[in-house]
C-alpha atoms as a PDB file:
ATOM      1  CA  MET A   1      18.838 -52.359 -47.829  1.00  0.00           C
ATOM      2  CA  ASP A   2      20.116 -54.229 -44.811  1.00  0.00           C
ATOM      3  CA  GLU A   3      17.106 -56.066 -43.456  1.00  0.00           C
ATOM      4  CA  VAL A   4      13.482 -57.078 -43.727  1.00  0.00           C
ATOM      5  CA  GLU A   5      11.385 -55.766 -40.837  1.00  0.00           C
ATOM      6  CA  VAL A   6       8.370 -57.789 -39.717  1.00  0.00           C
ATOM      7  CA  VAL A   7       5.730 -55.141 -38.964  1.00  0.00           C
ATOM      8  CA  VAL A   8       2.950 -57.535 -38.006  1.00  0.00           C
ATOM      9  CA  ALA A   9       2.473 -61.260 -38.437  1.00  0.00           C
ATOM     10  CA  HIS A  10      -0.281 -63.656 -37.432  1.00  0.00           C
ATOM     11  CA  SER A  11      -2.123 -66.635 -38.893  1.00  0.00           C
ATOM     12  CA  GLU A  12      -4.182 -64.529 -41.342  1.00  0.00           C
ATOM     13  CA  ARG A  13      -1.536 -62.224 -42.801  1.00  0.00           C
ATOM     14  CA  ALA A  14       1.882 -60.660 -42.409  1.00  0.00           C
ATOM     15  CA  THR A  15       3.216 -57.218 -43.259  1.00  0.00           C
ATOM     16  CA  LEU A  16       6.911 -56.759 -44.006  1.00  0.00           C
ATOM     17  CA  ARG A  17       8.895 -53.590 -44.596  1.00  0.00           C
ATOM     18  CA  VAL A  18      11.701 -53.728 -47.128  1.00  0.00           C
ATOM     19  CA  GLY A  19      13.235 -50.273 -47.445  1.00  0.00           C
ATOM     20  CA  ASP A  20      10.449 -47.896 -48.492  1.00  0.00           C
ATOM     21  CA  VAL A  21       8.099 -50.686 -49.549  1.00  0.00           C
ATOM     22  CA  PHE A  22       5.573 -52.546 -47.428  1.00  0.00           C
ATOM     23  CA  LEU A  23       4.647 -56.070 -48.515  1.00  0.00           C
ATOM     24  CA  LYS A  24       1.339 -57.399 -47.227  1.00  0.00           C
ATOM     25  CA  VAL A  25       1.078 -61.165 -47.562  1.00  0.00           C
ATOM     26  CA  ASP A  26      -2.479 -62.406 -47.135  1.00  0.00           C
ATOM     27  CA  ALA A  27      -3.894 -65.880 -47.720  1.00  0.00           C
ATOM     28  CA  ASP A  28      -7.301 -64.337 -48.454  1.00  0.00           C
ATOM     29  CA  GLN A  29      -7.132 -62.598 -51.844  1.00  0.00           C
ATOM     30  CA  ALA A  30     -10.563 -61.057 -51.207  1.00  0.00           C
ATOM     31  CA  ARG A  31      -9.047 -59.024 -48.335  1.00  0.00           C
ATOM     32  CA  ILE A  32      -6.278 -57.714 -50.577  1.00  0.00           C
ATOM     33  CA  ASP A  33      -8.798 -56.850 -53.294  1.00  0.00           C
ATOM     34  CA  ALA A  34     -11.010 -55.083 -50.738  1.00  0.00           C
ATOM     35  CA  GLU A  35      -8.035 -53.112 -49.426  1.00  0.00           C
ATOM     36  CA  VAL A  36      -6.994 -51.949 -52.898  1.00  0.00           C
ATOM     37  CA  GLU A  37     -10.582 -50.962 -53.718  1.00  0.00           C
ATOM     38  CA  ALA A  38     -11.064 -49.097 -50.420  1.00  0.00           C
ATOM     39  CA  MET A  39      -7.833 -47.136 -50.887  1.00  0.00           C
ATOM     40  CA  SER A  40      -8.906 -46.166 -54.420  1.00  0.00           C
ATOM     41  CA  LEU A  41     -12.291 -44.903 -53.156  1.00  0.00           C
ATOM     42  CA  ALA A  42     -11.243 -43.227 -49.906  1.00  0.00           C
ATOM     43  CA  PRO A  43     -11.267 -39.398 -50.125  1.00  0.00           C
ATOM     44  CA  VAL A  44      -8.291 -39.228 -47.752  1.00  0.00           C
ATOM     45  CA  PRO A  45      -4.571 -39.784 -48.343  1.00  0.00           C
ATOM     46  CA  THR A  46      -3.637 -43.474 -48.672  1.00  0.00           C
ATOM     47  CA  PRO A  47      -0.416 -45.252 -49.607  1.00  0.00           C
ATOM     48  CA  GLU A  48       0.440 -45.672 -53.276  1.00  0.00           C
ATOM     49  CA  VAL A  49      -0.250 -49.207 -54.502  1.00  0.00           C
ATOM     50  CA  LEU A  50       2.937 -50.289 -56.265  1.00  0.00           C
ATOM     51  CA  TRP A  51       1.708 -53.692 -57.400  1.00  0.00           C
ATOM     52  CA  SER A  52      -0.467 -56.599 -56.396  1.00  0.00           C
ATOM     53  CA  ARG A  53       0.297 -60.217 -57.255  1.00  0.00           C
ATOM     54  CA  PRO A  54      -1.534 -62.850 -55.212  1.00  0.00           C
ATOM     55  CA  PRO A  55      -0.947 -63.301 -52.361  1.00  0.00           C
ATOM     56  CA  VAL A  56       1.111 -60.078 -52.007  1.00  0.00           C
ATOM     57  CA  LEU A  57       0.199 -56.386 -52.061  1.00  0.00           C
ATOM     58  CA  ALA A  58       3.085 -53.907 -52.296  1.00  0.00           C
ATOM     59  CA  ILE A  59       2.498 -50.341 -51.102  1.00  0.00           C
ATOM     60  CA  ALA A  60       4.815 -47.367 -50.718  1.00  0.00           C
ATOM     61  CA  ALA A  61       5.848 -46.075 -47.310  1.00  0.00           C
ATOM     62  CA  LEU A  62       4.187 -42.850 -46.173  1.00  0.00           C
ATOM     63  CA  PRO A  63       5.990 -39.682 -45.143  1.00  0.00           C
ATOM     64  CA  GLY A  64       5.704 -38.488 -41.562  1.00  0.00           C
ATOM     65  CA  THR A  65       5.104 -40.426 -38.374  1.00  0.00           C
ATOM     66  CA  THR A  66       2.131 -42.143 -36.814  1.00  0.00           C
ATOM     67  CA  LEU A  67      -0.023 -40.411 -34.209  1.00  0.00           C
ATOM     68  CA  GLY A  68       1.440 -42.914 -31.765  1.00  0.00           C
ATOM     69  CA  ARG A  69       1.691 -46.595 -30.909  1.00  0.00           C
ATOM     70  CA  LEU A  70      -0.912 -48.640 -29.082  1.00  0.00           C
ATOM     71  CA  GLY A  71      -0.038 -48.776 -25.419  1.00  0.00           C
ATOM     72  CA  GLY A  72       2.417 -45.882 -25.679  1.00  0.00           C
ATOM     73  CA  PRO A  73       2.222 -42.113 -25.412  1.00  0.00           C
ATOM     74  CA  SER A  74       0.842 -40.120 -28.308  1.00  0.00           C
ATOM     75  CA  THR A  75       3.473 -38.533 -30.518  1.00  0.00           C
ATOM     76  CA  GLY A  76       0.931 -36.496 -32.471  1.00  0.00           C
ATOM     77  CA  SER A  77       0.345 -32.821 -31.763  1.00  0.00           C
ATOM     78  CA  PRO A  78      -3.157 -31.496 -30.971  1.00  0.00           C
ATOM     79  CA  ALA A  79      -3.260 -30.049 -34.500  1.00  0.00           C
ATOM     80  CA  GLY A  80      -2.265 -33.435 -35.937  1.00  0.00           C
ATOM     81  CA  TRP A  81      -5.079 -35.107 -33.993  1.00  0.00           C
ATOM     82  CA  GLY A  82      -7.470 -32.455 -35.285  1.00  0.00           C
ATOM     83  CA  ALA A  83      -6.364 -33.128 -38.853  1.00  0.00           C
ATOM     84  CA  ALA A  84      -6.888 -36.857 -38.325  1.00  0.00           C
ATOM     85  CA  GLY A  85     -10.401 -36.251 -37.008  1.00  0.00           C
ATOM     86  CA  ALA A  86     -11.214 -34.054 -40.014  1.00  0.00           C
ATOM     87  CA  ALA A  87      -9.928 -36.759 -42.388  1.00  0.00           C
ATOM     88  CA  ILE A  88     -12.096 -39.431 -40.756  1.00  0.00           C
ATOM     89  CA  ARG A  89     -15.173 -37.189 -40.871  1.00  0.00           C
ATOM     90  CA  LYS A  90     -14.469 -36.670 -44.587  1.00  0.00           C
ATOM     91  CA  LEU A  91     -14.258 -40.445 -45.011  1.00  0.00           C
ATOM     92  CA  HIS A  92     -17.552 -40.952 -43.165  1.00  0.00           C
ATOM     93  CA  ASP A  93     -19.248 -38.382 -45.442  1.00  0.00           C
ATOM     94  CA  ALA A  94     -17.999 -40.031 -48.654  1.00  0.00           C
ATOM     95  CA  PRO A  95     -20.166 -42.178 -50.929  1.00  0.00           C
ATOM     96  CA  LEU A  96     -20.546 -45.701 -49.563  1.00  0.00           C
ATOM     97  CA  PRO A  97     -18.343 -48.472 -50.907  1.00  0.00           C
ATOM     98  CA  SER A  98     -20.137 -51.619 -52.061  1.00  0.00           C
ATOM     99  CA  ARG A  99     -18.563 -53.849 -49.406  1.00  0.00           C
ATOM    100  CA  THR A 100     -19.978 -54.192 -45.916  1.00  0.00           C
ATOM    101  CA  GLY A 101     -16.988 -53.858 -43.634  1.00  0.00           C
ATOM    102  CA  ARG A 102     -16.204 -55.591 -40.356  1.00  0.00           C
ATOM    103  CA  ALA A 103     -17.841 -52.764 -38.410  1.00  0.00           C
ATOM    104  CA  GLY A 104     -20.903 -52.884 -40.665  1.00  0.00           C
ATOM    105  CA  ARG A 105     -22.338 -56.178 -39.494  1.00  0.00           C
ATOM    106  CA  SER A 106     -26.008 -56.159 -38.603  1.00  0.00           C
ATOM    107  CA  ILE A 107     -27.174 -55.346 -35.099  1.00  0.00           C
ATOM    108  CA  VAL A 108     -28.508 -58.886 -34.831  1.00  0.00           C
ATOM    109  CA  ALA A 109     -25.103 -60.349 -35.751  1.00  0.00           C
ATOM    110  CA  LEU A 110     -23.273 -58.040 -33.335  1.00  0.00           C
ATOM    111  CA  ALA A 111     -25.692 -58.895 -30.509  1.00  0.00           C
ATOM    112  CA  ALA A 112     -25.260 -62.616 -31.181  1.00  0.00           C
ATOM    113  CA  GLU A 113     -21.461 -62.285 -31.121  1.00  0.00           C
ATOM    114  CA  LEU A 114     -21.607 -60.257 -27.918  1.00  0.00           C
ATOM    115  CA  ASP A 115     -23.885 -62.839 -26.286  1.00  0.00           C
ATOM    116  CA  GLY A 116     -21.434 -65.573 -27.238  1.00  0.00           C
ATOM    117  CA  GLU A 117     -18.508 -63.609 -25.787  1.00  0.00           C
ATOM    118  CA  CYS A 118     -20.458 -62.944 -22.568  1.00  0.00           C
ATOM    119  CA  GLU A 119     -21.298 -66.637 -22.255  1.00  0.00           C
ATOM    120  CA  TRP A 120     -17.632 -67.526 -22.755  1.00  0.00           C
ATOM    121  CA  LEU A 121     -16.557 -65.084 -20.023  1.00  0.00           C
ATOM    122  CA  VAL A 122     -18.996 -66.580 -17.518  1.00  0.00           C
ATOM    123  CA  THR A 123     -18.528 -70.240 -18.514  1.00  0.00           C
ATOM    124  CA  ASN A 124     -14.749 -69.966 -18.248  1.00  0.00           C
ATOM    125  CA  GLY A 125     -14.876 -68.079 -14.957  1.00  0.00           C
ATOM    126  CA  VAL A 126     -13.074 -65.070 -16.376  1.00  0.00           C
ATOM    127  CA  LEU A 127     -15.532 -62.581 -14.834  1.00  0.00           C
ATOM    128  CA  PRO A 128     -18.392 -62.834 -12.345  1.00  0.00           C
ATOM    129  CA  ALA A 129     -21.798 -63.446 -13.948  1.00  0.00           C
ATOM    130  CA  ASP A 130     -23.391 -60.339 -12.376  1.00  0.00           C
ATOM    131  CA  LEU A 131     -20.646 -58.105 -13.780  1.00  0.00           C
ATOM    132  CA  VAL A 132     -21.031 -59.598 -17.266  1.00  0.00           C
ATOM    133  CA  THR A 133     -24.832 -59.283 -17.100  1.00  0.00           C
ATOM    134  CA  ARG A 134     -24.663 -55.638 -16.035  1.00  0.00           C
ATOM    135  CA  ASN A 135     -22.193 -54.718 -18.745  1.00  0.00           C
ATOM    136  CA  ARG A 136     -24.190 -56.624 -21.364  1.00  0.00           C
ATOM    137  CA  GLN A 137     -27.157 -54.418 -20.409  1.00  0.00           C
ATOM    138  CA  VAL A 138     -25.007 -51.302 -20.784  1.00  0.00           C
ATOM    139  CA  ALA A 139     -23.911 -52.545 -24.229  1.00  0.00           C
ATOM    140  CA  GLU A 140     -27.499 -52.313 -25.449  1.00  0.00           C
ATOM    141  CA  ALA A 141     -26.879 -48.580 -25.961  1.00  0.00           C
ATOM    142  CA  ALA A 142     -24.319 -49.437 -28.639  1.00  0.00           C
ATOM    143  CA  LEU A 143     -26.677 -51.841 -30.375  1.00  0.00           C
ATOM    144  CA  ARG A 144     -28.932 -49.150 -31.748  1.00  0.00           C
ATOM    145  CA  PRO A 145     -29.681 -48.587 -35.430  1.00  0.00           C
ATOM    146  CA  TRP A 146     -27.136 -46.495 -37.329  1.00  0.00           C
ATOM    147  CA  THR A 147     -26.826 -44.854 -40.696  1.00  0.00           C
ATOM    148  CA  PRO A 148     -24.088 -46.628 -42.676  1.00  0.00           C
ATOM    149  CA  ALA A 149     -20.930 -44.675 -43.437  1.00  0.00           C
ATOM    150  CA  PHE A 150     -17.662 -45.387 -45.240  1.00  0.00           C
ATOM    151  CA  THR A 151     -15.498 -46.727 -42.420  1.00  0.00           C
ATOM    152  CA  HIS A 152     -11.887 -47.816 -42.162  1.00  0.00           C
ATOM    153  CA  GLY A 153     -12.752 -50.865 -40.062  1.00  0.00           C
ATOM    154  CA  ASP A 154      -9.555 -51.021 -37.984  1.00  0.00           C
ATOM    155  CA  LEU A 155      -8.695 -47.404 -37.272  1.00  0.00           C
ATOM    156  CA  GLN A 156      -6.045 -46.885 -34.636  1.00  0.00           C
ATOM    157  CA  ILE A 157      -3.356 -44.315 -33.953  1.00  0.00           C
ATOM    158  CA  ALA A 158      -0.632 -46.463 -35.538  1.00  0.00           C
ATOM    159  CA  HIS A 159      -2.532 -46.388 -38.851  1.00  0.00           C
ATOM    160  CA  VAL A 160      -2.619 -42.580 -39.222  1.00  0.00           C
ATOM    161  CA  PHE A 161       0.512 -40.782 -40.467  1.00  0.00           C
ATOM    162  CA  VAL A 162       1.000 -37.041 -40.044  1.00  0.00           C
ATOM    163  CA  ASP A 163       3.660 -34.555 -41.039  1.00  0.00           C
ATOM    164  CA  ASP A 164       3.602 -30.843 -40.127  1.00  0.00           C
ATOM    165  CA  ASP A 165       0.153 -31.371 -38.571  1.00  0.00           C
ATOM    166  CA  GLU A 166      -1.300 -32.706 -41.834  1.00  0.00           C
ATOM    167  CA  VAL A 167      -2.434 -36.251 -42.521  1.00  0.00           C
ATOM    168  CA  THR A 168      -0.073 -37.791 -45.078  1.00  0.00           C
ATOM    169  CA  GLY A 169      -1.846 -41.116 -45.204  1.00  0.00           C
ATOM    170  CA  ILE A 170      -3.918 -43.786 -43.518  1.00  0.00           C
ATOM    171  CA  ILE A 171      -2.884 -47.432 -43.827  1.00  0.00           C
ATOM    172  CA  ASP A 172      -4.386 -50.917 -43.355  1.00  0.00           C
ATOM    173  CA  TRP A 173      -7.708 -50.793 -45.234  1.00  0.00           C
ATOM    174  CA  SER A 174      -8.401 -54.549 -45.309  1.00  0.00           C
ATOM    175  CA  GLU A 175     -11.463 -54.210 -43.029  1.00  0.00           C
ATOM    176  CA  ALA A 176     -12.899 -51.117 -44.755  1.00  0.00           C
ATOM    177  CA  GLY A 177     -16.451 -50.899 -46.007  1.00  0.00           C
ATOM    178  CA  GLN A 178     -19.907 -49.766 -44.966  1.00  0.00           C
ATOM    179  CA  GLY A 179     -20.261 -49.604 -41.206  1.00  0.00           C
ATOM    180  CA  THR A 180     -21.093 -47.509 -38.209  1.00  0.00           C
ATOM    181  CA  PRO A 181     -19.030 -44.333 -37.831  1.00  0.00           C
ATOM    182  CA  CYS A 182     -19.255 -44.614 -34.040  1.00  0.00           C
ATOM    183  CA  THR A 183     -16.632 -47.331 -33.653  1.00  0.00           C
ATOM    184  CA  THR A 184     -14.119 -48.916 -35.945  1.00  0.00           C
ATOM    185  CA  SER A 185     -13.939 -52.499 -34.837  1.00  0.00           C
ATOM    186  CA  PRO A 186     -15.211 -54.642 -31.993  1.00  0.00           C
ATOM    187  CA  PRO A 187     -12.928 -56.053 -29.295  1.00  0.00           C
ATOM    188  CA  SER A 188     -12.342 -59.776 -29.087  1.00  0.00           C
ATOM    189  CA  ARG A 189     -11.046 -62.069 -26.373  1.00  0.00           C
ATOM    190  CA  SER A 190      -8.227 -63.192 -28.668  1.00  0.00           C
ATOM    191  CA  GLY A 191      -6.815 -59.670 -28.779  1.00  0.00           C
ATOM    192  CA  THR A 192      -7.988 -56.129 -28.393  1.00  0.00           C
ATOM    193  CA  ARG A 193      -8.530 -53.631 -31.154  1.00  0.00           C
ATOM    194  CA  SER A 194      -8.479 -49.935 -30.670  1.00  0.00           C
ATOM    195  CA  THR A 195     -11.768 -48.153 -31.229  1.00  0.00           C
ATOM    196  CA  TRP A 196     -11.874 -44.535 -32.254  1.00  0.00           C
ATOM    197  CA  THR A 197     -15.044 -42.520 -32.149  1.00  0.00           C
ATOM    198  CA  THR A 198     -15.549 -39.293 -34.080  1.00  0.00           C
END
């Protein structure tokens, strides 16, 4: 192999590709443990876990290509998108894992976080107060009770691999757990996350 590719890197973790192996380096061993557990429970294709030695998780590369890249055009066919939707519905219908995922926080906790974000937007002059207030009112529709489901927690098109219109695997399970099947993860002002409804 000629090089090590940095797939993603930030203050919490980094993912490197070395040939056909992905190395996830994470300072929080609980996240690695949760990812391994979620992949073992998920009734959908996931990468093979090659080994795990704190603070590194090694997983095999998946065949096929992703449905696309965030901010770019979709490379997935309509049939590939349909297969991805079917896989996520199968995940949502599976028995619940024990862990409450990122998207499974209580309505009270989500509302408190949203209120804090709204306050930050107004206090820092990012958006006009009336616009923030109106959109906070609209957000109430999302803060309704839900029936918990097995969720991925950070589902986006770059995490779903397809080949010949079949899902070959879904990656990045560190945020998986019980949550709402309506969205996968909330946005934040520090960076946006893709949400995918089914």
